[in-house]
Amino acid sequence: MSQLPESSSSSLNRSRGNKIYLTLWDDYARQFNEYVELNKEANRLVIILQHGRLSYFKDKPYVSNNYSVTRLFINDHEKSTPDFKLRQLPADSSNES
């Protein structure tokens, strides 16, 4: 009997209030779920999905991994990620990074 692929679905809020729906499969889903489980205190995630697949269903954007060419980065500590997080904070918020 074949095993069903593991998946993880979520919606991401963009800075302007728009949502992007995210579905990750197999190892990408495991990586995302493990990160969330180990970082429960994180209230803001930056997800970079390199070579992902964008599609629309009922005028809603959906992003998913695209076979084995996709690379997933979650709260990657490159210089641009903390800067990006700070730009997403409302003007009256304190620094949460």
N, C-alpha and C. Protein backbone atom coordinates (compact mmCIF):
# COMPACT_ATOMS: atom_id res chain seq x y z
N MET A 1 0.85 -1.17 0.00
CA MET A 1 0.00 0.00 0.00
C MET A 1 0.90 1.23 0.00
N SER A 2 0.60 2.17 -0.87
CA SER A 2 1.40 3.39 -0.92
C SER A 2 0.97 4.36 0.18
N GLN A 3 1.93 5.12 0.62
CA GLN A 3 1.69 6.07 1.70
C GLN A 3 1.32 7.43 1.09
N LEU A 4 0.33 8.08 1.69
CA LEU A 4 -0.05 9.41 1.23
C LEU A 4 1.06 10.40 1.55
N PRO A 5 1.29 11.36 0.67
CA PRO A 5 2.33 12.35 0.96
C PRO A 5 1.93 13.22 2.14
N GLU A 6 2.93 13.61 2.91
CA GLU A 6 2.68 14.53 4.03
C GLU A 6 2.52 15.93 3.44
N SER A 7 1.57 16.68 3.99
CA SER A 7 1.41 18.05 3.52
C SER A 7 1.12 18.96 4.69
N SER A 8 1.38 20.24 4.47
CA SER A 8 1.09 21.27 5.45
C SER A 8 0.51 22.45 4.69
N SER A 9 -0.65 22.92 5.15
CA SER A 9 -1.28 24.06 4.49
C SER A 9 -1.44 25.19 5.48
N SER A 10 -1.28 26.39 4.99
CA SER A 10 -1.39 27.57 5.84
C SER A 10 -1.71 28.75 4.95
N SER A 11 -2.09 29.84 5.57
CA SER A 11 -2.23 31.07 4.80
C SER A 11 -1.27 32.09 5.39
N LEU A 12 -0.70 32.89 4.53
CA LEU A 12 0.28 33.89 4.93
C LEU A 12 -0.30 35.26 4.68
N ASN A 13 -0.19 36.14 5.65
CA ASN A 13 -0.65 37.51 5.47
C ASN A 13 0.50 38.34 4.95
N ARG A 14 0.26 39.01 3.86
CA ARG A 14 1.25 39.93 3.32
C ARG A 14 1.07 41.28 3.99
N SER A 15 2.04 42.14 3.82
CA SER A 15 2.05 43.42 4.53
C SER A 15 0.83 44.28 4.24
N ARG A 16 0.19 44.13 3.11
CA ARG A 16 -0.96 44.96 2.77
C ARG A 16 -2.29 44.27 3.08
N GLY A 17 -2.24 43.21 3.87
CA GLY A 17 -3.46 42.53 4.27
C GLY A 17 -3.91 41.46 3.31
N ASN A 18 -3.20 41.28 2.21
CA ASN A 18 -3.54 40.23 1.26
C ASN A 18 -3.05 38.90 1.79
N LYS A 19 -3.75 37.83 1.45
CA LYS A 19 -3.33 36.50 1.87
C LYS A 19 -2.78 35.72 0.69
N ILE A 20 -1.76 34.92 0.98
CA ILE A 20 -1.25 33.94 0.04
C ILE A 20 -1.41 32.59 0.73
N TYR A 21 -1.99 31.64 0.06
CA TYR A 21 -2.19 30.31 0.62
C TYR A 21 -0.99 29.45 0.26
N LEU A 22 -0.47 28.74 1.24
CA LEU A 22 0.76 27.96 1.10
C LEU A 22 0.46 26.50 1.36
N THR A 23 0.89 25.64 0.45
CA THR A 23 0.82 24.20 0.67
C THR A 23 2.21 23.63 0.39
N LEU A 24 2.75 22.94 1.37
CA LEU A 24 4.04 22.29 1.24
C LEU A 24 3.86 20.79 1.31
N TRP A 25 4.65 20.06 0.55
CA TRP A 25 4.53 18.61 0.47
C TRP A 25 5.81 17.92 0.94
N ASP A 26 5.63 16.73 1.50
CA ASP A 26 6.71 15.81 1.85
C ASP A 26 7.77 16.46 2.76
N ASP A 27 9.04 16.44 2.36
CA ASP A 27 10.11 16.96 3.22
C ASP A 27 9.93 18.44 3.52
N TYR A 28 9.35 19.17 2.59
CA TYR A 28 9.11 20.60 2.82
C TYR A 28 8.07 20.79 3.93
N ALA A 29 7.05 19.97 3.93
CA ALA A 29 6.03 20.03 4.99
C ALA A 29 6.64 19.64 6.33
N ARG A 30 7.46 18.61 6.34
CA ARG A 30 8.12 18.20 7.59
C ARG A 30 9.03 19.31 8.11
N GLN A 31 9.81 19.93 7.22
CA GLN A 31 10.70 21.01 7.63
C GLN A 31 9.90 22.16 8.24
N PHE A 32 8.81 22.56 7.60
CA PHE A 32 7.98 23.65 8.10
C PHE A 32 7.35 23.28 9.44
N ASN A 33 6.76 22.09 9.54
CA ASN A 33 6.10 21.66 10.78
C ASN A 33 7.09 21.55 11.94
N GLU A 34 8.29 21.04 11.67
CA GLU A 34 9.31 20.94 12.71
C GLU A 34 9.73 22.34 13.18
N TYR A 35 9.89 23.26 12.24
CA TYR A 35 10.28 24.62 12.63
C TYR A 35 9.21 25.24 13.52
N VAL A 36 7.95 25.13 13.14
CA VAL A 36 6.86 25.71 13.92
C VAL A 36 6.80 25.07 15.30
N GLU A 37 6.97 23.76 15.37
CA GLU A 37 6.93 23.05 16.65
C GLU A 37 8.07 23.48 17.58
N LEU A 38 9.25 23.67 17.03
CA LEU A 38 10.42 24.03 17.84
C LEU A 38 10.50 25.53 18.14
N ASN A 39 9.71 26.33 17.46
CA ASN A 39 9.77 27.80 17.63
C ASN A 39 8.39 28.36 17.90
N LYS A 40 7.72 27.80 18.89
CA LYS A 40 6.35 28.22 19.21
C LYS A 40 6.27 29.69 19.62
N GLU A 41 7.37 30.23 20.15
CA GLU A 41 7.36 31.62 20.60
C GLU A 41 7.48 32.61 19.42
N ALA A 42 7.85 32.12 18.26
CA ALA A 42 7.99 33.00 17.09
C ALA A 42 6.62 33.49 16.65
N ASN A 43 6.44 34.79 16.64
CA ASN A 43 5.15 35.33 16.24
C ASN A 43 5.17 35.88 14.82
N ARG A 44 6.32 35.86 14.17
CA ARG A 44 6.45 36.38 12.83
C ARG A 44 7.45 35.51 12.07
N LEU A 45 7.03 34.92 10.97
CA LEU A 45 7.91 34.09 10.16
C LEU A 45 8.13 34.74 8.81
N VAL A 46 9.34 34.63 8.32
CA VAL A 46 9.64 35.01 6.95
C VAL A 46 9.97 33.72 6.22
N ILE A 47 9.18 33.43 5.21
CA ILE A 47 9.36 32.20 4.44
C ILE A 47 9.78 32.59 3.03
N ILE A 48 10.90 32.02 2.60
CA ILE A 48 11.36 32.20 1.23
C ILE A 48 11.23 30.85 0.56
N LEU A 49 10.43 30.79 -0.48
CA LEU A 49 10.24 29.56 -1.24
C LEU A 49 10.82 29.79 -2.63
N GLN A 50 12.05 29.33 -2.81
CA GLN A 50 12.74 29.54 -4.07
C GLN A 50 12.32 28.46 -5.06
N HIS A 51 11.97 28.84 -6.25
CA HIS A 51 11.49 27.93 -7.29
C HIS A 51 10.19 27.23 -6.89
N GLY A 52 9.32 27.99 -6.25
CA GLY A 52 8.01 27.46 -5.90
C GLY A 52 7.06 27.56 -7.08
N ARG A 53 5.87 27.09 -6.87
CA ARG A 53 4.86 27.11 -7.93
C ARG A 53 3.71 28.01 -7.48
N LEU A 54 3.36 28.97 -8.31
CA LEU A 54 2.25 29.88 -8.03
C LEU A 54 1.09 29.51 -8.93
N SER A 55 -0.09 29.39 -8.32
CA SER A 55 -1.30 29.14 -9.10
C SER A 55 -2.44 29.90 -8.46
N TYR A 56 -3.52 30.05 -9.20
CA TYR A 56 -4.70 30.75 -8.70
C TYR A 56 -5.89 29.81 -8.74
N PHE A 57 -6.70 29.84 -7.70
CA PHE A 57 -7.94 29.08 -7.64
C PHE A 57 -9.00 30.00 -7.06
N LYS A 58 -10.06 30.22 -7.80
CA LYS A 58 -11.12 31.15 -7.39
C LYS A 58 -10.54 32.50 -7.01
N ASP A 59 -9.65 33.00 -7.85
CA ASP A 59 -9.00 34.32 -7.69
C ASP A 59 -8.15 34.44 -6.43
N LYS A 60 -7.74 33.34 -5.83
CA LYS A 60 -6.88 33.36 -4.66
C LYS A 60 -5.52 32.77 -5.04
N PRO A 61 -4.42 33.44 -4.60
CA PRO A 61 -3.08 32.93 -4.94
C PRO A 61 -2.67 31.77 -4.02
N TYR A 62 -2.16 30.72 -4.62
CA TYR A 62 -1.66 29.55 -3.89
C TYR A 62 -0.21 29.32 -4.30
N VAL A 63 0.64 29.06 -3.32
CA VAL A 63 2.04 28.76 -3.56
C VAL A 63 2.33 27.38 -3.00
N SER A 64 3.10 26.59 -3.74
CA SER A 64 3.50 25.27 -3.25
C SER A 64 4.90 24.95 -3.74
N ASN A 65 5.51 23.93 -3.12
CA ASN A 65 6.81 23.50 -3.59
C ASN A 65 6.62 22.79 -4.93
N ASN A 66 7.67 22.81 -5.73
CA ASN A 66 7.61 22.28 -7.08
C ASN A 66 8.64 21.16 -7.23
N TYR A 67 8.26 19.97 -6.84
CA TYR A 67 9.13 18.80 -6.93
C TYR A 67 10.42 19.02 -6.13
N SER A 68 11.55 18.57 -6.64
CA SER A 68 12.78 18.61 -5.84
C SER A 68 13.62 19.86 -6.10
N VAL A 69 13.18 20.76 -6.98
CA VAL A 69 13.98 21.95 -7.28
C VAL A 69 13.73 23.08 -6.30
N THR A 70 12.70 22.99 -5.50
CA THR A 70 12.35 24.05 -4.56
C THR A 70 13.33 24.08 -3.39
N ARG A 71 13.62 25.28 -2.91
CA ARG A 71 14.39 25.45 -1.68
C ARG A 71 13.53 26.26 -0.73
N LEU A 72 13.46 25.81 0.53
CA LEU A 72 12.64 26.46 1.55
C LEU A 72 13.56 27.05 2.62
N PHE A 73 13.39 28.34 2.88
CA PHE A 73 14.13 29.02 3.93
C PHE A 73 13.10 29.60 4.89
N ILE A 74 13.25 29.31 6.17
CA ILE A 74 12.33 29.83 7.19
C ILE A 74 13.14 30.67 8.16
N ASN A 75 12.78 31.95 8.28
CA ASN A 75 13.50 32.87 9.15
C ASN A 75 15.01 32.74 8.98
N ASP A 76 15.42 32.67 7.73
CA ASP A 76 16.83 32.59 7.41
C ASP A 76 17.52 33.83 7.97
N HIS A 77 18.69 33.68 8.52
CA HIS A 77 19.34 34.80 9.19
C HIS A 77 20.28 35.57 8.29
N GLU A 78 19.98 35.58 7.00
CA GLU A 78 20.72 36.44 6.09
C GLU A 78 20.43 37.89 6.45
N LYS A 79 21.27 38.79 6.06
CA LYS A 79 21.12 40.20 6.40
C LYS A 79 19.76 40.75 5.98
N SER A 80 19.25 40.36 4.83
CA SER A 80 18.01 40.95 4.32
C SER A 80 16.77 40.50 5.11
N THR A 81 16.78 39.33 5.73
CA THR A 81 15.59 38.84 6.42
C THR A 81 15.24 39.69 7.64
N PRO A 82 16.17 40.00 8.56
CA PRO A 82 15.80 40.88 9.68
C PRO A 82 15.35 42.26 9.21
N ASP A 83 15.99 42.80 8.17
CA ASP A 83 15.57 44.09 7.63
C ASP A 83 14.15 44.02 7.09
N PHE A 84 13.85 42.94 6.39
CA PHE A 84 12.50 42.75 5.85
C PHE A 84 11.47 42.67 6.98
N LYS A 85 11.79 41.93 8.04
CA LYS A 85 10.87 41.82 9.18
C LYS A 85 10.58 43.18 9.80
N LEU A 86 11.61 43.99 9.95
CA LEU A 86 11.42 45.32 10.54
C LEU A 86 10.52 46.19 9.67
N ARG A 87 10.64 46.08 8.36
CA ARG A 87 9.80 46.88 7.47
C ARG A 87 8.34 46.46 7.54
N GLN A 88 8.06 45.23 7.97
CA GLN A 88 6.69 44.74 8.02
C GLN A 88 5.96 45.14 9.30
N LEU A 89 6.69 45.61 10.30
CA LEU A 89 6.05 46.01 11.57
C LEU A 89 5.25 47.28 11.38
N PRO A 90 4.09 47.37 12.01
CA PRO A 90 3.36 48.64 11.99
C PRO A 90 4.19 49.73 12.64
N ALA A 91 3.95 50.96 12.26
CA ALA A 91 4.75 52.09 12.73
C ALA A 91 4.77 52.22 14.25
N ASP A 92 3.70 51.83 14.94
CA ASP A 92 3.64 51.98 16.39
C ASP A 92 4.09 50.75 17.16
N SER A 93 4.59 49.70 16.47
CA SER A 93 5.04 48.47 17.14
C SER A 93 6.46 48.63 17.63
N SER A 94 6.76 47.89 18.69
CA SER A 94 8.14 47.85 19.16
C SER A 94 8.89 46.82 18.34
N ASN A 95 10.19 46.82 18.42
CA ASN A 95 11.02 45.88 17.68
C ASN A 95 10.86 44.49 18.27
N GLU A 96 10.34 43.53 17.46
CA GLU A 96 10.08 42.16 17.94
C GLU A 96 11.03 41.15 17.36
N SER A 97 12.07 41.55 16.64
CA SER A 97 12.92 40.57 15.97
C SER A 97 13.88 39.92 16.85
